Amino acid sequence: MEDDTLVFPVEGTKQKNEAAEEEEKLVSLIIYSTDTTKWTLSKGMSADGCGSPSVVEWKDKLMMMTACDGGPRRVYESGDKEEWTEALGTLSRVWGNNKKDGKAKAVGSGFITATFGNNGDNRNVMLLTLPVYAEKGNEKGKLHLWLTDNTHIVDIGPVSDDDAAASSLLYNSGESTDEKKEELIVLYEKKKGDDEGKPSPGMVSVLLTEQLQRVKDVLATWKEVDDHVSQLCTTLLAEKDRASTGDACGPTVKITDGLVGFLSGNFSGDTWMDEYLGVNATIAENDAAAATGPSDGVKFTGRGAGAQWPVGKQGENQLYHFSNYKFTLVATVSIDGEPKSGSVPLMGMRVGSNGEKNLLSCRTTAEGSGRCCAVMETLRSSAAFWGQRHLNTW
């Protein structure tokens, strides 16, 4: 750590409780030392069944990635190296852990931090390697490199042709070497065959030169989008001469903080691309064209025209898993004309496996008025989007 504390992830086993007929359970925790003469085991630990931990220091906290039985990987954070809290709303439960049959053995992941940039324009990120399995069939699970800044998450792509198991990452900025050679290396274990009694075929080391460049390209894109979104606020402030500190575009507010996805005028065919390279929206099979004039976006024309942003239908890896707990959705809608009779839906939001729960419904009417209704829905036993029912009229 930056304060010279030495930290190691530890996998432990909870003793079997024979009276309660409970089996032994794996748990993850850490052991740390400030002088190597005395070691301290953290009091807190992960949930039962979470093992194969990897730990990194992120800002003023420790982040611990774990592989959990029968479910997605869980990420925990600690500010005191003692108690651990699941990082729901950021990285926890984003990445799946098993194939569809749920029988794949949990494996450790590569998990490191790195700093990229120059001239004081540095960006701290986390890099990790995890297997990604095919949606259909019994294809091998290829190891993928992932990039995140604890807000955005991007799949950089595969780094192995083998059916990989445990992996680790090493990044060398080159600043401390005479050659000034920057390197990103992955070391992974080839997965065993069907016979678990056979030894692993071996370890493989791969120099990730192309993937390192892809990481830098993604970071450059994130910066461009941040600058663009910030400029939108700057323009709005200039137009309306705003000075309120409570305004989302106020001078004391950084509008890009926590901004995960941004849909603007970048689309092709039936895909409306997320500017941050996260989850894309899907455009219905109707006419759509980039908006012209002072604002970016997509113009929909024709009956049934529109788009869906499927943030909860991503399969094994749920990049927007935070939407199960809390989020803010901001949309700007410009209506060209009004319905001659009745009302026309403008925007909606649904949750559930089949979208059976309606959270938000916005419509425009023949009278030229609009109404937007948001209804409280409990998604999990411990989470809700809004604390009360309310009705807003434009």
Protein backbone atom coordinates (compact mmCIF):
# COMPACT_ATOMS: atom_id res chain seq x y z
CA MET A 1 0.00 0.00 0.00
CA GLU A 2 1.07 3.66 -0.25
CA ASP A 3 1.73 3.72 3.50
CA ASP A 4 4.07 0.70 3.10
CA THR A 5 1.60 -1.73 4.66
CA LEU A 6 2.05 -5.22 3.21
CA VAL A 7 -1.28 -6.91 2.46
CA PHE A 8 -2.06 -10.47 1.35
CA PRO A 9 -5.46 -11.94 0.51
CA VAL A 10 -6.32 -15.04 2.52
CA GLU A 11 -8.82 -17.81 1.93
CA GLY A 12 -10.16 -19.33 5.14
CA THR A 13 -12.61 -22.02 6.16
CA LYS A 14 -15.37 -21.65 8.71
CA GLN A 15 -15.55 -24.67 10.96
CA LYS A 16 -18.40 -27.07 10.47
CA ASN A 17 -21.32 -26.58 12.87
CA GLU A 18 -22.41 -30.16 13.43
CA ALA A 19 -25.25 -29.17 15.76
CA ALA A 20 -26.81 -27.03 13.04
CA GLU A 21 -25.80 -29.54 10.36
CA GLU A 22 -23.87 -26.84 8.52
CA GLU A 23 -21.04 -27.69 6.13
CA GLU A 24 -17.65 -25.98 6.11
CA LYS A 25 -17.71 -22.74 4.16
CA LEU A 26 -14.97 -20.80 2.41
CA VAL A 27 -14.50 -17.13 3.32
CA SER A 28 -12.13 -14.41 2.13
CA LEU A 29 -10.20 -11.95 4.26
CA ILE A 30 -6.73 -10.37 4.45
CA ILE A 31 -3.58 -10.52 6.56
CA TYR A 32 -1.43 -7.40 6.80
CA SER A 33 1.70 -6.02 8.43
CA THR A 34 3.39 -2.64 8.73
CA ASP A 35 6.86 -3.96 9.67
CA THR A 36 6.84 -7.72 8.73
CA THR A 37 7.51 -8.69 12.37
CA LYS A 38 3.85 -8.71 13.38
CA TRP A 39 0.95 -9.80 11.22
CA THR A 40 -2.72 -9.00 11.77
CA LEU A 41 -5.67 -10.98 10.42
CA SER A 42 -8.69 -8.86 9.55
CA LYS A 43 -11.69 -9.37 11.79
CA GLY A 44 -14.23 -8.96 9.04
CA MET A 45 -14.57 -11.29 6.08
CA SER A 46 -16.64 -11.99 3.02
CA ALA A 47 -19.95 -13.83 2.93
CA ASP A 48 -19.84 -17.62 3.25
CA GLY A 49 -18.89 -19.41 0.06
CA CYS A 50 -16.70 -16.62 -1.36
CA GLY A 51 -13.08 -17.62 -1.96
CA SER A 52 -10.15 -17.10 -4.34
CA PRO A 53 -9.69 -13.46 -3.23
CA SER A 54 -7.65 -10.78 -5.01
CA VAL A 55 -6.95 -7.42 -3.32
CA VAL A 56 -5.98 -3.96 -4.58
CA GLU A 57 -5.69 -0.52 -3.02
CA TRP A 58 -8.15 1.94 -4.55
CA LYS A 59 -7.91 5.54 -3.37
CA ASP A 60 -8.39 5.40 0.41
CA LYS A 61 -9.82 1.87 0.50
CA LEU A 62 -8.97 -1.75 -0.13
CA MET A 63 -11.02 -3.60 -2.76
CA MET A 64 -11.32 -7.39 -2.58
CA MET A 65 -12.61 -9.44 -5.51
CA THR A 66 -14.01 -12.89 -4.62
CA ALA A 67 -15.44 -15.84 -6.51
CA CYS A 68 -18.64 -17.06 -4.84
CA ASP A 69 -20.46 -20.38 -4.96
CA GLY A 70 -23.45 -20.49 -7.27
CA GLY A 71 -23.53 -16.80 -8.11
CA PRO A 72 -21.70 -13.76 -9.48
CA ARG A 73 -18.40 -12.52 -8.13
CA ARG A 74 -18.68 -10.22 -5.16
CA VAL A 75 -16.45 -7.24 -4.52
CA TYR A 76 -15.89 -5.96 -0.98
CA GLU A 77 -14.33 -2.73 0.24
CA SER A 78 -12.72 -1.73 3.52
CA GLY A 79 -11.47 1.60 4.83
CA ASP A 80 -9.83 0.24 7.98
CA LYS A 81 -8.54 -3.19 6.83
CA GLU A 82 -10.84 -4.79 9.40
CA GLU A 83 -14.48 -4.67 8.35
CA TRP A 84 -15.65 -5.45 4.84
CA THR A 85 -18.74 -4.09 3.07
CA GLU A 86 -20.03 -5.43 -0.23
CA ALA A 87 -19.59 -2.79 -2.95
CA LEU A 88 -23.16 -2.93 -4.21
CA GLY A 89 -23.84 -0.18 -6.70
CA THR A 90 -20.34 -0.26 -8.20
CA LEU A 91 -18.41 -3.46 -9.02
CA SER A 92 -19.98 -6.21 -6.93
CA ARG A 93 -22.03 -8.85 -8.78
CA VAL A 94 -21.11 -7.41 -12.18
CA TRP A 95 -19.20 -10.47 -13.34
CA GLY A 96 -20.69 -13.96 -13.47
CA ASN A 97 -18.76 -16.83 -12.03
CA ASN A 98 -19.94 -20.02 -13.72
CA LYS A 99 -21.15 -21.52 -16.94
CA LYS A 100 -24.89 -21.95 -17.40
CA ASP A 101 -24.78 -25.34 -15.69
CA GLY A 102 -23.32 -23.64 -12.60
CA LYS A 103 -20.73 -26.40 -12.17
CA ALA A 104 -17.57 -24.54 -13.12
CA LYS A 105 -15.06 -24.28 -10.29
CA ALA A 106 -14.42 -20.78 -8.96
CA VAL A 107 -10.99 -19.42 -9.89
CA GLY A 108 -8.95 -16.44 -8.81
CA SER A 109 -8.77 -13.36 -11.02
CA GLY A 110 -6.01 -11.01 -12.03
CA PHE A 111 -6.77 -7.73 -10.25
CA ILE A 112 -4.42 -4.71 -10.27
CA THR A 113 -4.44 -0.92 -10.36
CA ALA A 114 -2.56 1.28 -12.80
CA THR A 115 -2.16 4.96 -13.63
CA PHE A 116 -2.15 6.22 -17.20
CA GLY A 117 -1.65 9.71 -18.57
CA ASN A 118 0.89 12.51 -18.59
CA ASN A 119 1.32 16.22 -17.97
CA GLY A 120 -0.71 15.96 -14.79
CA ASP A 121 -3.70 14.50 -16.64
CA ASN A 122 -3.52 11.07 -14.99
CA ARG A 123 -6.32 8.54 -14.59
CA ASN A 124 -6.30 5.74 -12.05
CA VAL A 125 -7.95 2.52 -13.19
CA MET A 126 -8.35 -1.12 -12.25
CA LEU A 127 -7.52 -3.96 -14.63
CA LEU A 128 -8.76 -7.51 -14.16
CA THR A 129 -8.82 -10.80 -16.01
CA LEU A 130 -11.82 -13.12 -15.84
CA PRO A 131 -13.10 -15.99 -18.01
CA VAL A 132 -16.06 -15.26 -20.29
CA TYR A 133 -18.14 -18.25 -21.37
CA ALA A 134 -20.08 -18.66 -24.59
CA GLU A 135 -23.83 -18.17 -24.28
CA LYS A 136 -24.57 -21.43 -26.10
CA GLY A 137 -22.92 -24.81 -26.31
CA ASN A 138 -19.89 -26.14 -24.49
CA GLU A 139 -17.27 -23.79 -25.91
CA LYS A 140 -14.21 -22.94 -23.88
CA GLY A 141 -14.24 -19.99 -21.54
CA LYS A 142 -11.73 -17.47 -22.89
CA LEU A 143 -9.92 -15.20 -20.51
CA HIS A 144 -10.84 -11.52 -21.02
CA LEU A 145 -9.18 -8.32 -19.87
CA TRP A 146 -11.52 -5.76 -18.27
CA LEU A 147 -10.99 -2.08 -17.56
CA THR A 148 -12.83 -0.01 -14.93
CA ASP A 149 -12.45 3.26 -13.05
CA ASN A 150 -15.09 2.14 -10.53
CA THR A 151 -17.75 3.91 -12.61
CA HIS A 152 -17.37 2.76 -16.22
CA ILE A 153 -16.60 -0.84 -17.20
CA VAL A 154 -15.31 -2.00 -20.61
CA ASP A 155 -14.44 -5.47 -21.90
CA ILE A 156 -11.06 -4.93 -23.59
CA GLY A 157 -11.25 -8.37 -25.17
CA PRO A 158 -9.84 -11.91 -24.99
CA VAL A 159 -6.25 -12.52 -23.91
CA SER A 160 -6.15 -16.32 -24.27
CA ASP A 161 -7.13 -19.01 -26.74
CA ASP A 162 -7.02 -21.65 -24.01
CA ASP A 163 -9.70 -22.63 -21.55
CA ALA A 164 -8.14 -20.57 -18.76
CA ALA A 165 -8.49 -20.97 -15.01
CA ALA A 166 -6.77 -18.78 -12.40
CA SER A 167 -4.87 -15.73 -13.64
CA SER A 168 -2.77 -12.79 -12.49
CA LEU A 169 -1.70 -9.47 -14.03
CA LEU A 170 1.51 -7.45 -13.96
CA TYR A 171 1.83 -3.87 -15.20
CA ASN A 172 5.16 -2.08 -15.54
CA SER A 173 4.95 1.61 -16.44
CA GLY A 174 8.62 1.58 -17.42
CA GLU A 175 9.31 4.78 -15.52
CA SER A 176 11.75 3.07 -13.15
CA THR A 177 13.70 1.21 -15.87
CA ASP A 178 16.45 2.40 -18.19
CA GLU A 179 14.59 1.11 -21.24
CA LYS A 180 11.41 3.04 -20.30
CA LYS A 181 9.51 0.05 -21.66
CA GLU A 182 5.84 -0.12 -20.69
CA GLU A 183 4.43 -3.65 -20.37
CA LEU A 184 1.22 -5.41 -19.40
CA ILE A 185 1.54 -9.16 -18.82
CA VAL A 186 -1.00 -11.83 -17.95
CA LEU A 187 -0.06 -15.15 -16.37
CA TYR A 188 -2.80 -17.77 -16.43
CA GLU A 189 -3.29 -21.42 -15.64
CA LYS A 190 -4.54 -23.73 -18.35
CA LYS A 191 -7.74 -25.32 -17.18
CA LYS A 192 -7.83 -29.02 -16.32
CA GLY A 193 -9.75 -31.41 -18.52
CA ASP A 194 -12.84 -33.33 -17.50
CA ASP A 195 -10.70 -35.53 -15.29
CA GLU A 196 -10.15 -33.44 -12.16
CA GLY A 197 -7.46 -35.87 -11.05
CA LYS A 198 -5.16 -34.81 -13.87
CA PRO A 199 -2.68 -32.00 -13.22
CA SER A 200 -3.05 -28.66 -14.96
CA PRO A 201 -1.34 -28.62 -18.39
CA GLY A 202 0.76 -25.67 -17.22
CA MET A 203 1.07 -21.90 -16.97
CA VAL A 204 1.09 -19.44 -19.85
CA SER A 205 2.53 -15.92 -19.91
CA VAL A 206 1.30 -13.45 -22.54
CA LEU A 207 2.54 -9.93 -23.30
CA LEU A 208 -0.58 -7.79 -23.86
CA THR A 209 0.77 -5.08 -26.17
CA GLU A 210 -2.37 -4.65 -28.30
CA GLN A 211 -4.65 -4.79 -25.27
CA LEU A 212 -2.56 -2.13 -23.51
CA GLN A 213 -3.05 0.19 -26.48
CA ARG A 214 -6.78 -0.58 -26.44
CA VAL A 215 -6.88 0.43 -22.76
CA LYS A 216 -5.31 3.77 -23.63
CA ASP A 217 -7.75 4.27 -26.51
CA VAL A 218 -10.72 3.64 -24.22
CA LEU A 219 -9.37 6.07 -21.62
CA ALA A 220 -8.96 8.70 -24.34
CA THR A 221 -12.59 8.14 -25.36
CA TRP A 222 -13.79 8.49 -21.77
CA LYS A 223 -11.93 11.80 -21.48
CA GLU A 224 -13.44 13.09 -24.74
CA VAL A 225 -16.96 12.23 -23.55
CA ASP A 226 -16.32 13.81 -20.13
CA ASP A 227 -15.15 16.99 -21.85
CA HIS A 228 -18.19 16.98 -24.16
CA VAL A 229 -20.71 16.48 -21.36
CA SER A 230 -19.01 19.13 -19.23
CA GLN A 231 -19.22 21.53 -22.15
CA LEU A 232 -22.98 20.97 -22.34
CA CYS A 233 -23.25 22.28 -18.80
CA THR A 234 -20.93 25.18 -19.56
CA THR A 235 -23.10 26.19 -22.49
CA LEU A 236 -26.27 25.95 -20.41
CA LEU A 237 -24.75 28.08 -17.67
CA ALA A 238 -23.75 30.73 -20.20
CA GLU A 239 -27.21 30.78 -21.79
CA LYS A 240 -29.13 31.07 -18.54
CA ASP A 241 -26.52 32.86 -16.44
CA ARG A 242 -26.99 30.33 -13.65
CA ALA A 243 -25.15 30.62 -10.37
CA SER A 244 -27.16 28.37 -8.04
CA THR A 245 -24.97 25.89 -6.19
CA GLY A 246 -27.92 23.49 -6.00
CA ASP A 247 -28.22 23.25 -9.76
CA ALA A 248 -27.01 20.05 -11.47
CA CYS A 249 -25.08 22.35 -13.80
CA GLY A 250 -23.94 24.69 -11.05
CA PRO A 251 -20.34 25.93 -10.95
CA THR A 252 -19.54 23.76 -7.91
CA VAL A 253 -20.86 20.53 -9.45
CA LYS A 254 -18.88 18.15 -11.65
CA ILE A 255 -21.63 16.78 -13.85
CA THR A 256 -19.60 13.74 -14.98
CA ASP A 257 -19.14 12.36 -11.44
CA GLY A 258 -20.94 9.03 -11.36
CA LEU A 259 -22.05 9.34 -14.99
CA VAL A 260 -22.03 5.73 -16.22
CA GLY A 261 -23.64 5.85 -19.66
CA PHE A 262 -24.40 8.53 -22.24
CA LEU A 263 -26.53 8.14 -25.38
CA SER A 264 -26.13 10.96 -27.87
CA GLY A 265 -25.90 11.06 -31.67
CA ASN A 266 -23.66 8.03 -32.23
CA PHE A 267 -25.63 5.22 -33.86
CA SER A 268 -25.43 2.79 -36.75
CA GLY A 269 -28.17 0.54 -38.06
CA ASP A 270 -30.22 -0.62 -35.10
CA THR A 271 -27.52 0.18 -32.50
CA TRP A 272 -27.43 3.43 -30.51
CA MET A 273 -23.94 3.43 -29.04
CA ASP A 274 -23.13 4.34 -25.48
CA GLU A 275 -20.50 7.07 -25.73
CA TYR A 276 -18.66 5.55 -22.73
CA LEU A 277 -18.47 2.17 -24.55
CA GLY A 278 -20.70 0.44 -22.00
CA VAL A 279 -24.19 -0.90 -22.80
CA ASN A 280 -25.66 0.11 -26.16
CA ALA A 281 -29.34 0.81 -26.82
CA THR A 282 -31.29 -0.99 -29.56
CA ILE A 283 -33.29 1.04 -32.09
CA ALA A 284 -36.60 -0.35 -33.34
CA GLU A 285 -36.91 -1.08 -37.03
CA ASN A 286 -38.16 2.33 -38.01
CA ASP A 287 -36.63 5.42 -39.51
CA ALA A 288 -34.00 7.07 -37.31
CA ALA A 289 -31.56 9.85 -38.10
CA ALA A 290 -29.01 11.86 -36.17
CA ALA A 291 -30.56 15.02 -34.83
CA THR A 292 -29.45 18.25 -36.43
CA GLY A 293 -29.22 21.64 -34.84
CA PRO A 294 -27.99 22.62 -31.38
CA SER A 295 -28.42 19.25 -29.65
CA ASP A 296 -27.19 15.72 -30.27
CA GLY A 297 -29.42 12.70 -30.25
CA VAL A 298 -31.58 10.48 -32.42
CA LYS A 299 -34.77 11.49 -34.20
CA PHE A 300 -37.50 8.85 -34.31
CA THR A 301 -40.25 8.94 -36.90
CA GLY A 302 -43.08 6.53 -37.71
CA ARG A 303 -45.46 4.44 -35.65
CA GLY A 304 -43.65 2.27 -33.12
CA ALA A 305 -40.34 4.07 -33.57
CA GLY A 306 -38.10 4.20 -30.54
CA ALA A 307 -35.25 2.52 -28.73
CA GLN A 308 -34.64 0.25 -25.76
CA TRP A 309 -31.69 0.48 -23.40
CA PRO A 310 -31.44 -3.14 -22.15
CA VAL A 311 -29.35 -2.50 -19.05
CA GLY A 312 -30.60 -5.68 -17.37
CA LYS A 313 -30.30 -8.11 -20.30
CA GLN A 314 -26.57 -8.57 -20.64
CA GLY A 315 -26.27 -12.25 -19.81
CA GLU A 316 -23.47 -13.54 -17.62
CA ASN A 317 -21.85 -10.15 -16.96
CA GLN A 318 -24.14 -7.31 -15.83
CA LEU A 319 -22.22 -4.07 -16.36
CA TYR A 320 -25.11 -1.98 -15.00
CA HIS A 321 -25.90 -4.18 -12.03
CA PHE A 322 -26.10 -1.01 -9.92
CA SER A 323 -29.49 -0.31 -11.53
CA ASN A 324 -30.93 -3.02 -9.27
CA TYR A 325 -30.38 -0.69 -6.32
CA LYS A 326 -30.19 3.00 -7.16
CA PHE A 327 -29.72 5.21 -10.20
CA THR A 328 -30.68 8.49 -11.82
CA LEU A 329 -31.94 8.67 -15.40
CA VAL A 330 -31.85 12.01 -17.23
CA ALA A 331 -33.37 12.39 -20.69
CA THR A 332 -34.10 15.34 -22.98
CA VAL A 333 -37.07 14.87 -25.31
CA SER A 334 -38.12 17.24 -28.09
CA ILE A 335 -41.57 16.64 -29.62
CA ASP A 336 -42.11 17.58 -33.25
CA GLY A 337 -45.89 18.10 -33.34
CA GLU A 338 -48.53 16.57 -31.09
CA PRO A 339 -51.01 13.71 -31.41
CA LYS A 340 -54.35 14.57 -33.00
CA SER A 341 -56.16 12.43 -30.44
CA GLY A 342 -55.43 10.37 -27.37
CA SER A 343 -51.87 10.19 -26.06
CA VAL A 344 -48.54 8.86 -27.26
CA PRO A 345 -45.94 7.20 -24.96
CA LEU A 346 -42.63 9.03 -24.85
CA MET A 347 -40.48 7.18 -22.35
CA GLY A 348 -40.84 4.35 -19.89
CA MET A 349 -38.83 2.19 -17.54
CA ARG A 350 -39.52 -1.39 -16.54
CA VAL A 351 -37.86 -3.99 -14.34
CA GLY A 352 -38.20 -7.73 -13.91
CA SER A 353 -37.23 -10.68 -16.10
CA ASN A 354 -39.99 -9.81 -18.57
CA GLY A 355 -40.34 -6.12 -17.78
CA GLU A 356 -43.52 -6.76 -15.83
CA LYS A 357 -42.94 -3.94 -13.30
CA ASN A 358 -43.54 -0.46 -14.66
CA LEU A 359 -41.44 2.15 -12.84
CA LEU A 360 -41.87 5.16 -15.08
CA SER A 361 -44.33 6.11 -17.81
CA CYS A 362 -44.29 9.38 -19.74
CA ARG A 363 -46.84 10.36 -22.40
CA THR A 364 -47.81 13.37 -24.46
CA THR A 365 -51.47 14.19 -25.19
CA ALA A 366 -53.53 15.82 -27.92
CA GLU A 367 -54.06 18.79 -25.62
CA GLY A 368 -50.36 19.53 -25.81
CA SER A 369 -49.63 18.61 -22.22
CA GLY A 370 -47.28 15.97 -20.90
CA ARG A 371 -47.36 13.87 -17.80
CA CYS A 372 -44.71 11.71 -16.22
CA CYS A 373 -45.58 9.29 -13.44
CA ALA A 374 -43.00 7.52 -11.29
CA VAL A 375 -44.10 4.72 -8.97
CA MET A 376 -42.08 3.23 -6.13
CA GLU A 377 -41.14 -0.40 -6.74
CA THR A 378 -39.05 -2.57 -4.43
CA LEU A 379 -36.54 -4.44 -6.59
CA ARG A 380 -34.87 -6.39 -3.82
CA SER A 381 -35.79 -6.84 -0.22
CA SER A 382 -33.36 -4.06 0.70
CA ALA A 383 -33.67 -1.62 -2.19
CA ALA A 384 -36.11 0.76 -3.80
CA PHE A 385 -35.77 3.44 -6.44
CA TRP A 386 -37.83 6.14 -4.72
CA GLY A 387 -38.87 6.63 -1.12
CA GLN A 388 -42.44 7.74 -1.90
CA ARG A 389 -45.00 7.84 -4.65
CA HIS A 390 -45.04 11.09 -6.54
CA LEU A 391 -46.44 12.64 -9.69
CA ASN A 392 -44.73 15.26 -11.77
CA THR A 393 -46.37 17.28 -14.55
CA TRP A 394 -44.29 19.09 -17.14
